[in-house]
């Protein structure tokens, strides 16, 4: 479809990559990428609070036949010394550590932007040990806006990455997987295997083009509104939210001090039309 091709080429050019692939979702992009980058029995390194490890129904094991090794990230986000210690030495009794999976923004509950410089340090380390580097950049535009850094900087040293059209960009459908032409050729074959081949996809891709052309600059509004919400909640009670932890457009609200669950609060808000 010509509109799909236009979207794929536009997305690849924005990040300085050779080619792109339009897929149904960020989850599909992640799973297609790992299958294209690994062999069954490999091991991939994933952040303990990453989407690909926590919210994709064990897809790495079920679809690609690879095992996950978790990177602790409580104190430091992707500490190079910790990552290096997790890369297994080659041996007949060990799985091959083949991919380092990064995520930006990171952490399910906070959306922490990671600088391009730190990403590149991690990528250089991984490449030194023969690993491919994959970036789950579902919210990479939020990171770019928050850090005021060009998109191409976030792609430096990254072998393949994806971003979602449906989050801050506000399109109704889809994600883009980006990389070399060789990688995308293989990923297109894997997408077909997983049932992700689409025929009349032009109208969905058209919304993605509008999103890329009109919505990136408006993400700063999301970030400002999130900060305002966090500050307002903290003004009611400091235990509710920490504005300093609101770094993009995710506000983490804690109701434990009030003896309420999130479900109870949501129900009460709905009763008030919120």
C-alpha atoms as a PDB file:
ATOM      1  CA  UNK A   1       0.000   0.000   0.000  1.00  0.00           C
ATOM      2  CA  UNK A   2       1.537   3.367  -0.978  1.00  0.00           C
ATOM      3  CA  UNK A   3       0.389   5.122   2.208  1.00  0.00           C
ATOM      4  CA  UNK A   4       1.926   2.392   4.367  1.00  0.00           C
ATOM      5  CA  UNK A   5       5.168   2.691   2.425  1.00  0.00           C
ATOM      6  CA  UNK A   6       5.130   6.448   2.911  1.00  0.00           C
ATOM      7  CA  UNK A   7       4.668   6.074   6.681  1.00  0.00           C
ATOM      8  CA  UNK A   8       7.442   3.463   6.925  1.00  0.00           C
ATOM      9  CA  UNK A   9       9.881   5.631   4.962  1.00  0.00           C
ATOM     10  CA  UNK A  10       8.971   8.758   6.950  1.00  0.00           C
ATOM     11  CA  UNK A  11       9.491   6.987  10.289  1.00  0.00           C
ATOM     12  CA  UNK A  12      12.823   5.487   9.232  1.00  0.00           C
ATOM     13  CA  UNK A  13      14.119   8.857   8.040  1.00  0.00           C
ATOM     14  CA  UNK A  14      13.155  10.566  11.313  1.00  0.00           C
ATOM     15  CA  UNK A  15      15.469   8.211  13.224  1.00  0.00           C
ATOM     16  CA  UNK A  16      18.161   7.881  10.568  1.00  0.00           C
ATOM     17  CA  UNK A  17      17.421   4.200   9.924  1.00  0.00           C
ATOM     18  CA  UNK A  18      17.355   2.452   6.566  1.00  0.00           C
ATOM     19  CA  UNK A  19      13.862   0.971   6.642  1.00  0.00           C
ATOM     20  CA  UNK A  20      10.656   0.615   8.619  1.00  0.00           C
ATOM     21  CA  UNK A  21       7.825  -1.844   9.122  1.00  0.00           C
ATOM     22  CA  UNK A  22       4.240  -0.982  10.109  1.00  0.00           C
ATOM     23  CA  UNK A  23       2.857  -3.411  12.701  1.00  0.00           C
ATOM     24  CA  UNK A  24      -0.303  -3.766  14.758  1.00  0.00           C
ATOM     25  CA  UNK A  25       1.087  -2.844  18.186  1.00  0.00           C
ATOM     26  CA  UNK A  26       4.157  -2.200  20.278  1.00  0.00           C
ATOM     27  CA  UNK A  27       3.919  -5.715  21.658  1.00  0.00           C
ATOM     28  CA  UNK A  28       3.951  -7.157  18.144  1.00  0.00           C
ATOM     29  CA  UNK A  29       6.926  -4.949  17.263  1.00  0.00           C
ATOM     30  CA  UNK A  30       8.864  -6.206  20.291  1.00  0.00           C
ATOM     31  CA  UNK A  31       8.109  -9.849  19.593  1.00  0.00           C
ATOM     32  CA  UNK A  32       8.851  -9.601  15.869  1.00  0.00           C
ATOM     33  CA  UNK A  33      12.152  -7.874  16.626  1.00  0.00           C
ATOM     34  CA  UNK A  34      13.341 -10.474  19.111  1.00  0.00           C
ATOM     35  CA  UNK A  35      12.397 -13.343  16.809  1.00  0.00           C
ATOM     36  CA  UNK A  36      14.306 -11.650  13.981  1.00  0.00           C
ATOM     37  CA  UNK A  37      17.403 -11.075  16.155  1.00  0.00           C
ATOM     38  CA  UNK A  38      17.696 -14.428  17.964  1.00  0.00           C
ATOM     39  CA  UNK A  39      17.771 -18.183  17.659  1.00  0.00           C
ATOM     40  CA  UNK A  40      15.759 -20.537  19.910  1.00  0.00           C
ATOM     41  CA  UNK A  41      17.665 -21.171  23.129  1.00  0.00           C
ATOM     42  CA  UNK A  42      19.314 -17.743  23.190  1.00  0.00           C
ATOM     43  CA  UNK A  43      19.148 -15.459  26.205  1.00  0.00           C
ATOM     44  CA  UNK A  44      18.118 -11.801  26.125  1.00  0.00           C
ATOM     45  CA  UNK A  45      18.779  -9.173  28.790  1.00  0.00           C
ATOM     46  CA  UNK A  46      15.701  -7.195  29.841  1.00  0.00           C
ATOM     47  CA  UNK A  47      15.023  -4.541  32.482  1.00  0.00           C
ATOM     48  CA  UNK A  48      13.103  -5.829  35.492  1.00  0.00           C
ATOM     49  CA  UNK A  49      10.469  -3.094  35.104  1.00  0.00           C
ATOM     50  CA  UNK A  50      10.265  -3.253  31.317  1.00  0.00           C
ATOM     51  CA  UNK A  51       7.117  -3.742  29.277  1.00  0.00           C
ATOM     52  CA  UNK A  52       8.587  -6.585  27.228  1.00  0.00           C
ATOM     53  CA  UNK A  53       9.296  -8.595  30.402  1.00  0.00           C
ATOM     54  CA  UNK A  54       6.181  -7.811  32.439  1.00  0.00           C
ATOM     55  CA  UNK A  55       3.269  -7.210  30.086  1.00  0.00           C
ATOM     56  CA  UNK A  56       3.661  -9.402  27.004  1.00  0.00           C
ATOM     57  CA  UNK A  57       2.341 -12.715  28.308  1.00  0.00           C
ATOM     58  CA  UNK A  58       5.664 -14.565  28.206  1.00  0.00           C
ATOM     59  CA  UNK A  59       5.997 -13.906  24.485  1.00  0.00           C
ATOM     60  CA  UNK A  60       9.795 -14.109  24.468  1.00  0.00           C
ATOM     61  CA  UNK A  61       9.652 -17.727  25.616  1.00  0.00           C
ATOM     62  CA  UNK A  62       6.468 -18.766  23.842  1.00  0.00           C
ATOM     63  CA  UNK A  63       7.132 -17.187  20.444  1.00  0.00           C
ATOM     64  CA  UNK A  64      10.908 -16.928  20.059  1.00  0.00           C
ATOM     65  CA  UNK A  65      11.967 -19.742  22.386  1.00  0.00           C
ATOM     66  CA  UNK A  66      14.433 -17.514  24.215  1.00  0.00           C
ATOM     67  CA  UNK A  67      14.929 -17.042  27.927  1.00  0.00           C
ATOM     68  CA  UNK A  68      15.056 -13.723  29.732  1.00  0.00           C
ATOM     69  CA  UNK A  69      17.736 -12.589  32.135  1.00  0.00           C
ATOM     70  CA  UNK A  70      16.591  -9.680  34.258  1.00  0.00           C
ATOM     71  CA  UNK A  71      18.638  -6.509  34.704  1.00  0.00           C
ATOM     72  CA  UNK A  72      18.098  -5.050  38.209  1.00  0.00           C
ATOM     73  CA  UNK A  73      17.312  -1.355  37.852  1.00  0.00           C
ATOM     74  CA  UNK A  74      16.189  -0.129  41.278  1.00  0.00           C
ATOM     75  CA  UNK A  75      19.161   2.081  42.143  1.00  0.00           C
ATOM     76  CA  UNK A  76      20.594   2.861  38.734  1.00  0.00           C
ATOM     77  CA  UNK A  77      18.944   2.668  35.333  1.00  0.00           C
ATOM     78  CA  UNK A  78      20.821   0.070  33.315  1.00  0.00           C
ATOM     79  CA  UNK A  79      24.152   0.201  35.143  1.00  0.00           C
ATOM     80  CA  UNK A  80      26.885  -0.812  32.636  1.00  0.00           C
ATOM     81  CA  UNK A  81      28.799  -2.833  35.238  1.00  0.00           C
ATOM     82  CA  UNK A  82      25.673  -4.832  36.113  1.00  0.00           C
ATOM     83  CA  UNK A  83      24.884  -5.478  32.460  1.00  0.00           C
ATOM     84  CA  UNK A  84      28.430  -6.647  31.762  1.00  0.00           C
ATOM     85  CA  UNK A  85      28.236  -9.050  34.698  1.00  0.00           C
ATOM     86  CA  UNK A  86      25.062 -10.593  33.241  1.00  0.00           C
ATOM     87  CA  UNK A  87      26.543 -11.395  29.831  1.00  0.00           C
ATOM     88  CA  UNK A  88      27.354 -15.075  29.921  1.00  0.00           C
ATOM     89  CA  UNK A  89      30.746 -16.394  28.805  1.00  0.00           C
ATOM     90  CA  UNK A  90      30.445 -18.618  25.761  1.00  0.00           C
ATOM     91  CA  UNK A  91      30.273 -22.278  26.689  1.00  0.00           C
ATOM     92  CA  UNK A  92      28.489 -25.473  25.757  1.00  0.00           C
ATOM     93  CA  UNK A  93      26.424 -25.446  28.976  1.00  0.00           C
ATOM     94  CA  UNK A  94      25.266 -21.827  28.715  1.00  0.00           C
ATOM     95  CA  UNK A  95      22.710 -20.085  26.522  1.00  0.00           C
ATOM     96  CA  UNK A  96      24.099 -17.512  24.131  1.00  0.00           C
ATOM     97  CA  UNK A  97      23.457 -13.981  25.384  1.00  0.00           C
ATOM     98  CA  UNK A  98      22.429 -12.415  22.084  1.00  0.00           C
ATOM     99  CA  UNK A  99      20.377  -9.249  22.655  1.00  0.00           C
ATOM    100  CA  UNK A 100      20.338  -6.335  25.087  1.00  0.00           C
ATOM    101  CA  UNK A 101      16.798  -4.958  25.319  1.00  0.00           C
ATOM    102  CA  UNK A 102      16.622  -1.330  26.366  1.00  0.00           C
ATOM    103  CA  UNK A 103      13.471   0.722  26.945  1.00  0.00           C
ATOM    104  CA  UNK A 104      12.955   4.474  26.695  1.00  0.00           C
ATOM    105  CA  UNK A 105      11.083   5.850  28.508  1.00  0.00           C
ATOM    106  CA  UNK A 106      11.639   3.238  31.202  1.00  0.00           C
ATOM    107  CA  UNK A 107       9.670   1.870  34.171  1.00  0.00           C
ATOM    108  CA  UNK A 108       6.019   0.859  33.963  1.00  0.00           C
ATOM    109  CA  UNK A 109       4.928   3.379  36.598  1.00  0.00           C
ATOM    110  CA  UNK A 110       7.180   6.387  36.024  1.00  0.00           C
ATOM    111  CA  UNK A 111       8.142   6.821  32.366  1.00  0.00           C
ATOM    112  CA  UNK A 112      11.758   7.797  33.028  1.00  0.00           C
ATOM    113  CA  UNK A 113      13.567   9.307  30.020  1.00  0.00           C
ATOM    114  CA  UNK A 114      17.061   7.911  29.456  1.00  0.00           C
ATOM    115  CA  UNK A 115      19.618  10.172  27.791  1.00  0.00           C
ATOM    116  CA  UNK A 116      20.988   9.285  24.355  1.00  0.00           C
ATOM    117  CA  UNK A 117      24.495   9.396  25.814  1.00  0.00           C
ATOM    118  CA  UNK A 118      23.680   6.693  28.366  1.00  0.00           C
ATOM    119  CA  UNK A 119      21.997   4.573  25.708  1.00  0.00           C
ATOM    120  CA  UNK A 120      25.102   4.815  23.513  1.00  0.00           C
ATOM    121  CA  UNK A 121      27.354   3.770  26.406  1.00  0.00           C
ATOM    122  CA  UNK A 122      25.211   0.673  26.907  1.00  0.00           C
ATOM    123  CA  UNK A 123      25.087  -0.067  23.182  1.00  0.00           C
ATOM    124  CA  UNK A 124      28.868   0.163  22.848  1.00  0.00           C
ATOM    125  CA  UNK A 125      29.245  -2.236  25.769  1.00  0.00           C
ATOM    126  CA  UNK A 126      26.809  -4.714  24.229  1.00  0.00           C
ATOM    127  CA  UNK A 127      28.468  -4.571  20.817  1.00  0.00           C
ATOM    128  CA  UNK A 128      31.869  -5.172  22.421  1.00  0.00           C
ATOM    129  CA  UNK A 129      30.502  -8.490  23.631  1.00  0.00           C
ATOM    130  CA  UNK A 130      28.801  -9.368  20.346  1.00  0.00           C
ATOM    131  CA  UNK A 131      25.211  -8.582  21.394  1.00  0.00           C
ATOM    132  CA  UNK A 132      22.606  -6.878  19.250  1.00  0.00           C
ATOM    133  CA  UNK A 133      20.870  -3.879  20.848  1.00  0.00           C
ATOM    134  CA  UNK A 134      17.101  -3.486  20.638  1.00  0.00           C
ATOM    135  CA  UNK A 135      15.234  -0.434  21.909  1.00  0.00           C
ATOM    136  CA  UNK A 136      11.602  -0.626  22.953  1.00  0.00           C
ATOM    137  CA  UNK A 137      10.968   3.028  22.231  1.00  0.00           C
ATOM    138  CA  UNK A 138       7.195   2.891  22.607  1.00  0.00           C
ATOM    139  CA  UNK A 139       7.376   6.324  24.284  1.00  0.00           C
ATOM    140  CA  UNK A 140      10.621   7.526  22.709  1.00  0.00           C
ATOM    141  CA  UNK A 141       8.990  10.760  21.527  1.00  0.00           C
ATOM    142  CA  UNK A 142       8.166  11.572  25.156  1.00  0.00           C
ATOM    143  CA  UNK A 143      11.836  11.072  26.013  1.00  0.00           C
ATOM    144  CA  UNK A 144      12.959  13.261  23.121  1.00  0.00           C
ATOM    145  CA  UNK A 145      10.596  16.071  24.099  1.00  0.00           C
ATOM    146  CA  UNK A 146      11.460  15.833  27.795  1.00  0.00           C
ATOM    147  CA  UNK A 147      15.218  15.842  27.177  1.00  0.00           C
ATOM    148  CA  UNK A 148      15.075  18.238  24.197  1.00  0.00           C
ATOM    149  CA  UNK A 149      17.194  15.866  22.124  1.00  0.00           C
ATOM    150  CA  UNK A 150      16.937  14.953  18.405  1.00  0.00           C
ATOM    151  CA  UNK A 151      15.349  11.606  17.560  1.00  0.00           C
ATOM    152  CA  UNK A 152      18.440  10.542  15.626  1.00  0.00           C
ATOM    153  CA  UNK A 153      20.499  10.766  18.818  1.00  0.00           C
ATOM    154  CA  UNK A 154      18.308   8.110  20.438  1.00  0.00           C
ATOM    155  CA  UNK A 155      18.955   5.782  17.491  1.00  0.00           C
ATOM    156  CA  UNK A 156      22.756   5.964  17.685  1.00  0.00           C
ATOM    157  CA  UNK A 157      24.258   2.547  18.368  1.00  0.00           C
ATOM    158  CA  UNK A 158      20.813   0.926  18.302  1.00  0.00           C
ATOM    159  CA  UNK A 159      20.439  -1.983  15.873  1.00  0.00           C
ATOM    160  CA  UNK A 160      16.636  -1.980  15.870  1.00  0.00           C
ATOM    161  CA  UNK A 161      13.908  -0.022  17.622  1.00  0.00           C
ATOM    162  CA  UNK A 162      10.171   0.495  17.716  1.00  0.00           C
ATOM    163  CA  UNK A 163       7.851   3.334  18.647  1.00  0.00           C
ATOM    164  CA  UNK A 164       4.105   3.463  19.201  1.00  0.00           C
ATOM    165  CA  UNK A 165       1.799   5.732  17.247  1.00  0.00           C
ATOM    166  CA  UNK A 166      -0.999   5.245  19.765  1.00  0.00           C
ATOM    167  CA  UNK A 167       0.431   6.743  22.951  1.00  0.00           C
ATOM    168  CA  UNK A 168       1.479  10.398  23.084  1.00  0.00           C
ATOM    169  CA  UNK A 169       1.180  10.664  19.306  1.00  0.00           C
ATOM    170  CA  UNK A 170      -2.539   9.878  19.710  1.00  0.00           C
ATOM    171  CA  UNK A 171      -3.085   7.857  16.532  1.00  0.00           C
ATOM    172  CA  UNK A 172      -5.746   5.118  16.745  1.00  0.00           C
ATOM    173  CA  UNK A 173      -3.573   2.252  15.529  1.00  0.00           C
ATOM    174  CA  UNK A 174      -0.123   0.786  15.133  1.00  0.00           C
ATOM    175  CA  UNK A 175       3.589   0.928  15.798  1.00  0.00           C
ATOM    176  CA  UNK A 176       6.704   1.216  13.629  1.00  0.00           C
ATOM    177  CA  UNK A 177       9.681  -1.135  13.751  1.00  0.00           C
ATOM    178  CA  UNK A 178      12.909   0.361  12.383  1.00  0.00           C
ATOM    179  CA  UNK A 179      16.358  -0.910  11.467  1.00  0.00           C
ATOM    180  CA  UNK A 180      18.568  -1.927   8.567  1.00  0.00           C
ATOM    181  CA  UNK A 181      17.020  -3.120   5.314  1.00  0.00           C
ATOM    182  CA  UNK A 182      18.285  -6.624   6.070  1.00  0.00           C
ATOM    183  CA  UNK A 183      16.668  -6.621   9.514  1.00  0.00           C
ATOM    184  CA  UNK A 184      13.362  -5.249   8.217  1.00  0.00           C
ATOM    185  CA  UNK A 185      13.284  -7.855   5.426  1.00  0.00           C
ATOM    186  CA  UNK A 186      13.511 -10.591   8.040  1.00  0.00           C
ATOM    187  CA  UNK A 187      11.078  -8.808  10.346  1.00  0.00           C
ATOM    188  CA  UNK A 188       8.521  -8.566   7.527  1.00  0.00           C
ATOM    189  CA  UNK A 189       8.719 -12.338   7.105  1.00  0.00           C
ATOM    190  CA  UNK A 190       8.310 -12.848  10.870  1.00  0.00           C
ATOM    191  CA  UNK A 191       5.342 -10.450  10.956  1.00  0.00           C
ATOM    192  CA  UNK A 192       3.632 -12.542   8.302  1.00  0.00           C
ATOM    193  CA  UNK A 193       4.261 -15.694  10.332  1.00  0.00           C
ATOM    194  CA  UNK A 194       2.574 -14.094  13.348  1.00  0.00           C
ATOM    195  CA  UNK A 195      -0.491 -13.025  11.384  1.00  0.00           C
ATOM    196  CA  UNK A 196       0.456  -9.372  11.167  1.00  0.00           C
ATOM    197  CA  UNK A 197       0.304  -9.001   7.398  1.00  0.00           C
ATOM    198  CA  UNK A 198      -2.316  -6.385   6.486  1.00  0.00           C
ATOM    199  CA  UNK A 199      -3.938  -5.633   3.151  1.00  0.00           C
ATOM    200  CA  UNK A 200      -6.119  -2.505   3.235  1.00  0.00           C
ATOM    201  CA  UNK A 201      -3.936  -0.786   5.825  1.00  0.00           C
ATOM    202  CA  UNK A 202      -3.620   2.593   4.122  1.00  0.00           C
ATOM    203  CA  UNK A 203      -6.317   4.318   6.146  1.00  0.00           C
ATOM    204  CA  UNK A 204      -4.579   3.208   9.372  1.00  0.00           C
ATOM    205  CA  UNK A 205      -1.194   4.363   8.108  1.00  0.00           C
ATOM    206  CA  UNK A 206      -2.699   7.718   7.097  1.00  0.00           C
ATOM    207  CA  UNK A 207      -3.566   8.433  10.728  1.00  0.00           C
ATOM    208  CA  UNK A 208       0.030   7.607  11.645  1.00  0.00           C
ATOM    209  CA  UNK A 209       1.311  10.142   9.114  1.00  0.00           C
ATOM    210  CA  UNK A 210      -0.962  12.823  10.585  1.00  0.00           C
ATOM    211  CA  UNK A 211       0.316  11.929  14.060  1.00  0.00           C
ATOM    212  CA  UNK A 212       3.965  12.299  13.048  1.00  0.00           C
ATOM    213  CA  UNK A 213       3.299  15.563  11.246  1.00  0.00           C
ATOM    214  CA  UNK A 214       1.129  17.284  13.862  1.00  0.00           C
ATOM    215  CA  UNK A 215       1.407  15.704  17.315  1.00  0.00           C
ATOM    216  CA  UNK A 216       5.076  15.614  18.320  1.00  0.00           C
ATOM    217  CA  UNK A 217       5.273  19.243  19.428  1.00  0.00           C
ATOM    218  CA  UNK A 218       2.054  18.889  21.452  1.00  0.00           C
ATOM    219  CA  UNK A 219       3.627  16.290  23.742  1.00  0.00           C
ATOM    220  CA  UNK A 220       5.053  19.129  25.801  1.00  0.00           C
ATOM    221  CA  UNK A 221       1.450  19.990  26.690  1.00  0.00           C
ATOM    222  CA  UNK A 222       0.966  16.456  28.030  1.00  0.00           C
ATOM    223  CA  UNK A 223       4.068  16.787  30.177  1.00  0.00           C
ATOM    224  CA  UNK A 224       2.988  20.172  31.541  1.00  0.00           C
ATOM    225  CA  UNK A 225      -0.507  18.896  32.347  1.00  0.00           C
ATOM    226  CA  UNK A 226       0.920  15.847  34.109  1.00  0.00           C
ATOM    227  CA  UNK A 227       3.228  18.003  36.219  1.00  0.00           C
ATOM    228  CA  UNK A 228       0.318  20.301  37.100  1.00  0.00           C
ATOM    229  CA  UNK A 229      -1.808  17.311  38.141  1.00  0.00           C
ATOM    230  CA  UNK A 230       0.993  15.908  40.318  1.00  0.00           C
ATOM    231  CA  UNK A 231       1.542  19.294  41.948  1.00  0.00           C
ATOM    232  CA  UNK A 232      -2.177  19.681  42.616  1.00  0.00           C
ATOM    233  CA  UNK A 233      -2.430  16.239  44.199  1.00  0.00           C
ATOM    234  CA  UNK A 234       0.638  16.900  46.339  1.00  0.00           C
ATOM    235  CA  UNK A 235      -0.924  20.160  47.495  1.00  0.00           C
ATOM    236  CA  UNK A 236      -3.932  18.185  48.766  1.00  0.00           C
ATOM    237  CA  UNK A 237      -1.688  15.654  50.492  1.00  0.00           C
ATOM    238  CA  UNK A 238       2.035  15.031  49.958  1.00  0.00           C
ATOM    239  CA  UNK A 239       1.503  11.267  50.136  1.00  0.00           C
ATOM    240  CA  UNK A 240      -0.660  11.302  47.002  1.00  0.00           C
ATOM    241  CA  UNK A 241       1.980  12.166  44.397  1.00  0.00           C
ATOM    242  CA  UNK A 242       5.574  13.314  44.008  1.00  0.00           C
ATOM    243  CA  UNK A 243       5.876  16.024  41.313  1.00  0.00           C
ATOM    244  CA  UNK A 244       9.638  15.411  41.109  1.00  0.00           C
ATOM    245  CA  UNK A 245       8.918  11.890  39.843  1.00  0.00           C
ATOM    246  CA  UNK A 246       6.604  13.150  37.097  1.00  0.00           C
ATOM    247  CA  UNK A 247       9.176  13.344  34.312  1.00  0.00           C
ATOM    248  CA  UNK A 248       6.982  12.942  31.234  1.00  0.00           C
ATOM    249  CA  UNK A 249       3.221  12.331  31.084  1.00  0.00           C
ATOM    250  CA  UNK A 250       2.826   9.572  33.687  1.00  0.00           C
ATOM    251  CA  UNK A 251       1.546  10.524  37.134  1.00  0.00           C
ATOM    252  CA  UNK A 252       1.849   7.831  39.799  1.00  0.00           C
ATOM    253  CA  UNK A 253      -0.807   8.324  42.491  1.00  0.00           C
ATOM    254  CA  UNK A 254      -0.660   6.461  45.822  1.00  0.00           C
ATOM    255  CA  UNK A 255      -3.876   6.096  47.847  1.00  0.00           C
ATOM    256  CA  UNK A 256      -2.591   3.734  50.547  1.00  0.00           C
ATOM    257  CA  UNK A 257      -2.500   6.464  53.204  1.00  0.00           C
ATOM    258  CA  UNK A 258      -6.247   6.911  52.726  1.00  0.00           C
ATOM    259  CA  UNK A 259      -7.064   3.211  52.948  1.00  0.00           C
ATOM    260  CA  UNK A 260      -8.353   3.188  49.388  1.00  0.00           C
ATOM    261  CA  UNK A 261      -7.572   1.016  46.390  1.00  0.00           C
ATOM    262  CA  UNK A 262      -7.180   2.415  42.893  1.00  0.00           C
ATOM    263  CA  UNK A 263     -10.385   0.615  41.884  1.00  0.00           C
ATOM    264  CA  UNK A 264     -12.356   2.319  44.661  1.00  0.00           C
ATOM    265  CA  UNK A 265     -11.014   5.732  43.715  1.00  0.00           C
ATOM    266  CA  UNK A 266     -11.807   5.172  40.026  1.00  0.00           C
ATOM    267  CA  UNK A 267     -15.378   4.164  40.912  1.00  0.00           C
ATOM    268  CA  UNK A 268     -15.873   7.302  43.009  1.00  0.00           C
ATOM    269  CA  UNK A 269     -14.452   9.513  40.261  1.00  0.00           C
ATOM    270  CA  UNK A 270     -16.848   7.959  37.753  1.00  0.00           C
ATOM    271  CA  UNK A 271     -19.761   8.757  40.042  1.00  0.00           C
ATOM    272  CA  UNK A 272     -18.675  12.406  39.845  1.00  0.00           C
ATOM    273  CA  UNK A 273     -18.407  12.321  36.072  1.00  0.00           C
ATOM    274  CA  UNK A 274     -14.601  12.199  35.991  1.00  0.00           C
END
